[in-house]
Amino acid sequence: MATYTLPELPYDYAALEPVINPQIIELHHDKHHAAYVKGANDTLEQLEEARDKGSWGSINGLQKNLAFHLSGHILHSIYWHNMTGDGGGEPLAADGVGDLADAITESFGSFAGFKAQLTKAAATTQGSGWGVLAYEPVSGKLIVEQVYDHQGNVGQGSTPVLVFDAWEHAFYLQYKNQKVDFIEAMWAVVNWQDVAKRYAAAKERADVLLLAP
């Protein structure tokens, strides 16, 4: 039995129009995300075979493949729930996400400062990658990370709570090569309720990262 499975979308393909058209959502989820799930499962099988045979000539490539595909699966699984057709705007206490709003202000000085940093981080990622808002458990604050591919350039132990996919397959059919336009448009579909739940959960399990006994 496969270790990882492709999650169902929490909405239909047209739910995020006009920010993201249905064709992109269908291809992105059913093809690209599915490929990362398959890649992770295939790599696990190859690692099992390597252990059984004691054959480690390809271990570096296999470990890199596992990190790539598994991180792709995890980030996409967050990505789908980070968006909603009824989203956007700014997280506000009146909407029940006051803790998240306060944390953003504490960590970045203002929502505007946070929005500008995450937008720039996502839009200027070299090649393929992500812009990520993550909870960093050592400081207890939120940080922005610029993720190359799916797994590089991240702080160990940080937990993603909001992710912007900046791979071309996420936007090219609709936005062509205007990545920054896509990132700017993404703010209109952010699901702050989902982000707030992830932030609260990340804080609850922050003590799993032990820097010293």
C-alpha atoms as a PDB file:
ATOM      1  CA  MET A   1       0.000   0.000   0.000  1.00  0.00           C
ATOM      2  CA  ALA A   2       1.283   3.450  -0.917  1.00  0.00           C
ATOM      3  CA  THR A   3       2.513   5.575   1.983  1.00  0.00           C
ATOM      4  CA  TYR A   4       1.303   8.848   0.462  1.00  0.00           C
ATOM      5  CA  THR A   5      -1.969   9.574  -1.340  1.00  0.00           C
ATOM      6  CA  LEU A   6      -3.211  12.533  -3.357  1.00  0.00           C
ATOM      7  CA  PRO A   7      -5.695  14.533  -1.258  1.00  0.00           C
ATOM      8  CA  GLU A   8      -8.952  15.674  -2.779  1.00  0.00           C
ATOM      9  CA  LEU A   9      -9.392  19.370  -3.495  1.00  0.00           C
ATOM     10  CA  PRO A  10     -11.512  21.186  -0.883  1.00  0.00           C
ATOM     11  CA  TYR A  11     -13.443  22.928  -3.705  1.00  0.00           C
ATOM     12  CA  ASP A  12     -14.216  22.459  -7.383  1.00  0.00           C
ATOM     13  CA  TYR A  13     -11.881  23.504 -10.187  1.00  0.00           C
ATOM     14  CA  ALA A  14     -13.700  26.797 -10.789  1.00  0.00           C
ATOM     15  CA  ALA A  15     -13.823  27.910  -7.144  1.00  0.00           C
ATOM     16  CA  LEU A  16     -10.865  30.319  -7.353  1.00  0.00           C
ATOM     17  CA  GLU A  17     -11.840  32.192 -10.521  1.00  0.00           C
ATOM     18  CA  PRO A  18     -10.887  34.735 -11.719  1.00  0.00           C
ATOM     19  CA  VAL A  19      -7.592  34.551  -9.787  1.00  0.00           C
ATOM     20  CA  ILE A  20      -6.833  31.016 -10.975  1.00  0.00           C
ATOM     21  CA  ASN A  21      -8.752  29.460 -13.842  1.00  0.00           C
ATOM     22  CA  PRO A  22     -10.177  25.906 -13.709  1.00  0.00           C
ATOM     23  CA  GLN A  23      -7.727  24.472 -16.255  1.00  0.00           C
ATOM     24  CA  ILE A  24      -4.757  25.437 -14.102  1.00  0.00           C
ATOM     25  CA  ILE A  25      -6.306  23.996 -10.945  1.00  0.00           C
ATOM     26  CA  GLU A  26      -7.117  20.710 -12.698  1.00  0.00           C
ATOM     27  CA  LEU A  27      -3.662  20.292 -14.231  1.00  0.00           C
ATOM     28  CA  HIS A  28      -1.877  21.496 -11.104  1.00  0.00           C
ATOM     29  CA  HIS A  29      -3.689  19.121  -8.763  1.00  0.00           C
ATOM     30  CA  ASP A  30      -4.416  16.092 -10.933  1.00  0.00           C
ATOM     31  CA  LYS A  31      -1.085  16.012 -12.781  1.00  0.00           C
ATOM     32  CA  HIS A  32       1.644  17.933 -10.966  1.00  0.00           C
ATOM     33  CA  HIS A  33       0.671  17.213  -7.365  1.00  0.00           C
ATOM     34  CA  ALA A  34      -0.103  13.625  -8.273  1.00  0.00           C
ATOM     35  CA  ALA A  35       3.379  13.288  -9.764  1.00  0.00           C
ATOM     36  CA  TYR A  36       4.987  14.338  -6.470  1.00  0.00           C
ATOM     37  CA  VAL A  37       2.918  11.770  -4.577  1.00  0.00           C
ATOM     38  CA  LYS A  38       3.940   9.051  -7.019  1.00  0.00           C
ATOM     39  CA  GLY A  39       7.563  10.196  -6.894  1.00  0.00           C
ATOM     40  CA  ALA A  40       7.659   9.995  -3.093  1.00  0.00           C
ATOM     41  CA  ASN A  41       6.131   6.519  -3.065  1.00  0.00           C
ATOM     42  CA  ASP A  42       8.414   5.268  -5.853  1.00  0.00           C
ATOM     43  CA  THR A  43      11.489   6.587  -4.044  1.00  0.00           C
ATOM     44  CA  LEU A  44      10.470   4.850  -0.816  1.00  0.00           C
ATOM     45  CA  GLU A  45      10.240   1.574  -2.749  1.00  0.00           C
ATOM     46  CA  GLN A  46      13.677   2.170  -4.240  1.00  0.00           C
ATOM     47  CA  LEU A  47      15.139   2.858  -0.798  1.00  0.00           C
ATOM     48  CA  GLU A  48      13.570  -0.336   0.525  1.00  0.00           C
ATOM     49  CA  GLU A  49      15.176  -2.248  -2.343  1.00  0.00           C
ATOM     50  CA  ALA A  50      18.535  -0.619  -1.599  1.00  0.00           C
ATOM     51  CA  ARG A  51      18.290  -1.708   2.051  1.00  0.00           C
ATOM     52  CA  ASP A  52      17.336  -5.267   1.097  1.00  0.00           C
ATOM     53  CA  LYS A  53      20.245  -5.570  -1.323  1.00  0.00           C
ATOM     54  CA  GLY A  54      22.724  -3.514   0.674  1.00  0.00           C
ATOM     55  CA  SER A  55      23.287  -1.522  -2.508  1.00  0.00           C
ATOM     56  CA  TRP A  56      23.985   2.115  -1.736  1.00  0.00           C
ATOM     57  CA  GLY A  57      25.472   3.457  -4.967  1.00  0.00           C
ATOM     58  CA  SER A  58      22.473   5.694  -5.611  1.00  0.00           C
ATOM     59  CA  ILE A  59      21.781   6.780  -2.024  1.00  0.00           C
ATOM     60  CA  ASN A  60      22.536  10.489  -2.587  1.00  0.00           C
ATOM     61  CA  GLY A  61      20.150  10.724  -5.521  1.00  0.00           C
ATOM     62  CA  LEU A  62      17.435   8.762  -3.736  1.00  0.00           C
ATOM     63  CA  GLN A  63      17.596  10.930  -0.609  1.00  0.00           C
ATOM     64  CA  LYS A  64      17.423  14.072  -2.746  1.00  0.00           C
ATOM     65  CA  ASN A  65      14.465  12.655  -4.695  1.00  0.00           C
ATOM     66  CA  LEU A  66      12.627  11.794  -1.485  1.00  0.00           C
ATOM     67  CA  ALA A  67      13.095  15.318  -0.100  1.00  0.00           C
ATOM     68  CA  PHE A  68      11.996  16.848  -3.407  1.00  0.00           C
ATOM     69  CA  HIS A  69       8.848  14.783  -3.948  1.00  0.00           C
ATOM     70  CA  LEU A  70       7.776  14.598  -0.307  1.00  0.00           C
ATOM     71  CA  SER A  71       8.207  18.352   0.189  1.00  0.00           C
ATOM     72  CA  GLY A  72       6.285  18.958  -3.038  1.00  0.00           C
ATOM     73  CA  HIS A  73       3.443  16.793  -1.737  1.00  0.00           C
ATOM     74  CA  ILE A  74       3.369  18.510   1.665  1.00  0.00           C
ATOM     75  CA  LEU A  75       3.533  22.073   0.333  1.00  0.00           C
ATOM     76  CA  HIS A  76       0.811  21.444  -2.240  1.00  0.00           C
ATOM     77  CA  SER A  77      -1.404  19.832   0.406  1.00  0.00           C
ATOM     78  CA  ILE A  78      -1.128  23.071   2.413  1.00  0.00           C
ATOM     79  CA  TYR A  79      -1.498  25.250  -0.690  1.00  0.00           C
ATOM     80  CA  TRP A  80      -4.952  23.981  -1.659  1.00  0.00           C
ATOM     81  CA  HIS A  81      -6.373  24.704   1.808  1.00  0.00           C
ATOM     82  CA  ASN A  82      -4.629  28.077   2.054  1.00  0.00           C
ATOM     83  CA  MET A  83      -6.989  29.340  -0.673  1.00  0.00           C
ATOM     84  CA  THR A  84     -10.708  29.997  -0.864  1.00  0.00           C
ATOM     85  CA  GLY A  85     -12.997  31.844  -3.228  1.00  0.00           C
ATOM     86  CA  ASP A  86     -14.290  33.812  -0.239  1.00  0.00           C
ATOM     87  CA  GLY A  87     -10.843  34.815   0.994  1.00  0.00           C
ATOM     88  CA  GLY A  88      -8.492  37.726   0.698  1.00  0.00           C
ATOM     89  CA  GLY A  89      -8.178  40.988   2.503  1.00  0.00           C
ATOM     90  CA  GLU A  90      -6.340  41.263   5.809  1.00  0.00           C
ATOM     91  CA  PRO A  91      -6.601  38.980   8.873  1.00  0.00           C
ATOM     92  CA  LEU A  92      -8.692  40.801  11.494  1.00  0.00           C
ATOM     93  CA  ALA A  93      -9.714  40.120  15.073  1.00  0.00           C
ATOM     94  CA  ALA A  94     -13.323  40.675  14.012  1.00  0.00           C
ATOM     95  CA  ASP A  95     -13.048  37.593  11.808  1.00  0.00           C
ATOM     96  CA  GLY A  96     -11.735  35.420  14.628  1.00  0.00           C
ATOM     97  CA  VAL A  97      -8.092  35.469  13.525  1.00  0.00           C
ATOM     98  CA  GLY A  98      -6.800  38.102  15.916  1.00  0.00           C
ATOM     99  CA  ASP A  99      -3.925  35.952  17.243  1.00  0.00           C
ATOM    100  CA  LEU A 100      -2.577  35.543  13.729  1.00  0.00           C
ATOM    101  CA  ALA A 101      -2.988  39.252  12.998  1.00  0.00           C
ATOM    102  CA  ASP A 102      -1.119  40.150  16.200  1.00  0.00           C
ATOM    103  CA  ALA A 103       1.675  37.690  15.398  1.00  0.00           C
ATOM    104  CA  ILE A 104       2.108  39.176  11.924  1.00  0.00           C
ATOM    105  CA  THR A 105       2.372  42.676  13.376  1.00  0.00           C
ATOM    106  CA  GLU A 106       4.827  41.544  16.063  1.00  0.00           C
ATOM    107  CA  SER A 107       6.999  39.642  13.590  1.00  0.00           C
ATOM    108  CA  PHE A 108       6.965  42.081  10.663  1.00  0.00           C
ATOM    109  CA  GLY A 109       5.948  45.456  12.092  1.00  0.00           C
ATOM    110  CA  SER A 110       2.740  45.623  10.078  1.00  0.00           C
ATOM    111  CA  PHE A 111       0.567  43.613   7.735  1.00  0.00           C
ATOM    112  CA  ALA A 112       1.715  45.828   4.860  1.00  0.00           C
ATOM    113  CA  GLY A 113       5.348  45.044   5.633  1.00  0.00           C
ATOM    114  CA  PHE A 114       4.623  41.316   5.806  1.00  0.00           C
ATOM    115  CA  LYS A 115       2.634  41.375   2.559  1.00  0.00           C
ATOM    116  CA  ALA A 116       5.423  43.214   0.748  1.00  0.00           C
ATOM    117  CA  GLN A 117       8.095  40.790   1.999  1.00  0.00           C
ATOM    118  CA  LEU A 118       6.201  37.601   1.131  1.00  0.00           C
ATOM    119  CA  THR A 119       5.212  39.002  -2.265  1.00  0.00           C
ATOM    120  CA  LYS A 120       8.825  39.852  -3.099  1.00  0.00           C
ATOM    121  CA  ALA A 121      10.135  36.556  -1.739  1.00  0.00           C
ATOM    122  CA  ALA A 122       7.699  34.530  -3.858  1.00  0.00           C
ATOM    123  CA  ALA A 123       8.002  36.650  -7.001  1.00  0.00           C
ATOM    124  CA  THR A 124      11.813  36.731  -7.035  1.00  0.00           C
ATOM    125  CA  THR A 125      12.507  33.079  -6.218  1.00  0.00           C
ATOM    126  CA  GLN A 126      15.155  32.031  -8.724  1.00  0.00           C
ATOM    127  CA  GLY A 127      13.892  29.273 -11.000  1.00  0.00           C
ATOM    128  CA  SER A 128      11.123  27.264  -9.366  1.00  0.00           C
ATOM    129  CA  GLY A 129      10.025  27.515  -5.778  1.00  0.00           C
ATOM    130  CA  TRP A 130       7.722  28.973  -3.161  1.00  0.00           C
ATOM    131  CA  GLY A 131       7.208  31.953  -0.893  1.00  0.00           C
ATOM    132  CA  VAL A 132       6.356  30.688   2.595  1.00  0.00           C
ATOM    133  CA  LEU A 133       5.126  32.161   5.854  1.00  0.00           C
ATOM    134  CA  ALA A 134       6.339  29.833   8.595  1.00  0.00           C
ATOM    135  CA  TYR A 135       6.244  29.598  12.372  1.00  0.00           C
ATOM    136  CA  GLU A 136       9.796  29.439  13.730  1.00  0.00           C
ATOM    137  CA  PRO A 137       9.746  27.671  17.136  1.00  0.00           C
ATOM    138  CA  VAL A 138      13.047  28.920  18.574  1.00  0.00           C
ATOM    139  CA  SER A 139      12.054  32.606  18.455  1.00  0.00           C
ATOM    140  CA  GLY A 140       8.322  31.899  18.625  1.00  0.00           C
ATOM    141  CA  LYS A 141       7.805  34.279  15.717  1.00  0.00           C
ATOM    142  CA  LEU A 142       6.664  34.114  12.118  1.00  0.00           C
ATOM    143  CA  ILE A 143       9.270  34.287   9.364  1.00  0.00           C
ATOM    144  CA  VAL A 144       9.159  34.462   5.571  1.00  0.00           C
ATOM    145  CA  GLU A 145      11.135  31.812   3.723  1.00  0.00           C
ATOM    146  CA  GLN A 146      12.114  31.680   0.059  1.00  0.00           C
ATOM    147  CA  VAL A 147      12.004  28.008  -0.898  1.00  0.00           C
ATOM    148  CA  TYR A 148      13.936  26.780  -3.925  1.00  0.00           C
ATOM    149  CA  ASP A 149      12.323  23.791  -5.670  1.00  0.00           C
ATOM    150  CA  HIS A 150      10.259  22.393  -2.785  1.00  0.00           C
ATOM    151  CA  GLN A 151      12.799  21.769  -0.076  1.00  0.00           C
ATOM    152  CA  GLY A 152      15.820  24.076  -0.161  1.00  0.00           C
ATOM    153  CA  ASN A 153      16.719  27.200   1.835  1.00  0.00           C
ATOM    154  CA  VAL A 154      14.455  26.621   4.854  1.00  0.00           C
ATOM    155  CA  GLY A 155      15.013  27.015   8.578  1.00  0.00           C
ATOM    156  CA  GLN A 156      15.065  23.631  10.288  1.00  0.00           C
ATOM    157  CA  GLY A 157      12.018  23.067  12.482  1.00  0.00           C
ATOM    158  CA  SER A 158       9.938  25.870  10.989  1.00  0.00           C
ATOM    159  CA  THR A 159       6.324  25.016  10.132  1.00  0.00           C
ATOM    160  CA  PRO A 160       4.714  26.401   6.938  1.00  0.00           C
ATOM    161  CA  VAL A 161       1.363  28.075   7.570  1.00  0.00           C
ATOM    162  CA  LEU A 162       0.864  30.004   4.301  1.00  0.00           C
ATOM    163  CA  VAL A 163       2.462  29.046   0.992  1.00  0.00           C
ATOM    164  CA  PHE A 164       2.504  30.768  -2.398  1.00  0.00           C
ATOM    165  CA  ASP A 165       3.408  28.443  -5.263  1.00  0.00           C
ATOM    166  CA  ALA A 166       5.774  30.258  -7.637  1.00  0.00           C
ATOM    167  CA  TRP A 167       6.442  27.349 -10.000  1.00  0.00           C
ATOM    168  CA  GLU A 168       5.462  28.163 -13.579  1.00  0.00           C
ATOM    169  CA  HIS A 169       2.893  25.363 -13.680  1.00  0.00           C
ATOM    170  CA  ALA A 170       0.914  27.295 -11.046  1.00  0.00           C
ATOM    171  CA  PHE A 171       0.283  30.310 -13.265  1.00  0.00           C
ATOM    172  CA  TYR A 172       1.794  30.208 -16.765  1.00  0.00           C
ATOM    173  CA  LEU A 173      -1.340  29.232 -18.721  1.00  0.00           C
ATOM    174  CA  GLN A 174      -3.114  32.303 -17.361  1.00  0.00           C
ATOM    175  CA  TYR A 175      -0.436  34.839 -16.403  1.00  0.00           C
ATOM    176  CA  LYS A 176       2.245  33.858 -18.953  1.00  0.00           C
ATOM    177  CA  ASN A 177       5.646  35.015 -17.658  1.00  0.00           C
ATOM    178  CA  GLN A 178       4.220  37.651 -15.309  1.00  0.00           C
ATOM    179  CA  LYS A 179       4.915  35.842 -12.038  1.00  0.00           C
ATOM    180  CA  VAL A 180       4.587  38.991  -9.958  1.00  0.00           C
ATOM    181  CA  ASP A 181       1.052  39.594 -11.284  1.00  0.00           C
ATOM    182  CA  PHE A 182       0.069  36.104 -10.171  1.00  0.00           C
ATOM    183  CA  ILE A 183       1.552  36.577  -6.704  1.00  0.00           C
ATOM    184  CA  GLU A 184      -0.237  39.913  -6.307  1.00  0.00           C
ATOM    185  CA  ALA A 185      -3.512  38.281  -7.365  1.00  0.00           C
ATOM    186  CA  MET A 186      -3.041  35.446  -4.862  1.00  0.00           C
ATOM    187  CA  TRP A 187      -3.726  37.788  -1.958  1.00  0.00           C
ATOM    188  CA  ALA A 188      -7.371  37.897  -3.050  1.00  0.00           C
ATOM    189  CA  VAL A 189      -7.888  34.193  -2.287  1.00  0.00           C
ATOM    190  CA  VAL A 190      -5.891  33.699   0.924  1.00  0.00           C
ATOM    191  CA  ASN A 191      -7.904  31.662   3.422  1.00  0.00           C
ATOM    192  CA  TRP A 192      -6.983  33.405   6.686  1.00  0.00           C
ATOM    193  CA  GLN A 193      -9.105  31.009   8.714  1.00  0.00           C
ATOM    194  CA  ASP A 194      -6.960  28.121   7.508  1.00  0.00           C
ATOM    195  CA  VAL A 195      -3.723  30.054   8.061  1.00  0.00           C
ATOM    196  CA  ALA A 196      -4.805  30.946  11.612  1.00  0.00           C
ATOM    197  CA  LYS A 197      -5.573  27.286  12.424  1.00  0.00           C
ATOM    198  CA  ARG A 198      -2.149  26.230  11.150  1.00  0.00           C
ATOM    199  CA  TYR A 199      -0.471  28.971  13.175  1.00  0.00           C
ATOM    200  CA  ALA A 200      -2.271  27.915  16.356  1.00  0.00           C
ATOM    201  CA  ALA A 201      -1.384  24.260  15.783  1.00  0.00           C
ATOM    202  CA  ALA A 202       2.267  25.106  15.115  1.00  0.00           C
ATOM    203  CA  LYS A 203       2.498  27.026  18.397  1.00  0.00           C
ATOM    204  CA  GLU A 204       0.971  24.117  20.296  1.00  0.00           C
ATOM    205  CA  ARG A 205       3.650  21.687  19.139  1.00  0.00           C
ATOM    206  CA  ALA A 206       6.585  24.097  19.257  1.00  0.00           C
ATOM    207  CA  ASP A 207       8.295  22.166  22.057  1.00  0.00           C
ATOM    208  CA  VAL A 208       9.086  19.211  19.775  1.00  0.00           C
ATOM    209  CA  LEU A 209      12.267  20.993  18.683  1.00  0.00           C
ATOM    210  CA  LEU A 210      14.759  20.504  21.524  1.00  0.00           C
ATOM    211  CA  LEU A 211      17.969  22.478  21.134  1.00  0.00           C
ATOM    212  CA  ALA A 212      19.465  21.062  24.337  1.00  0.00           C
ATOM    213  CA  PRO A 213      18.495  18.385  26.884  1.00  0.00           C
END
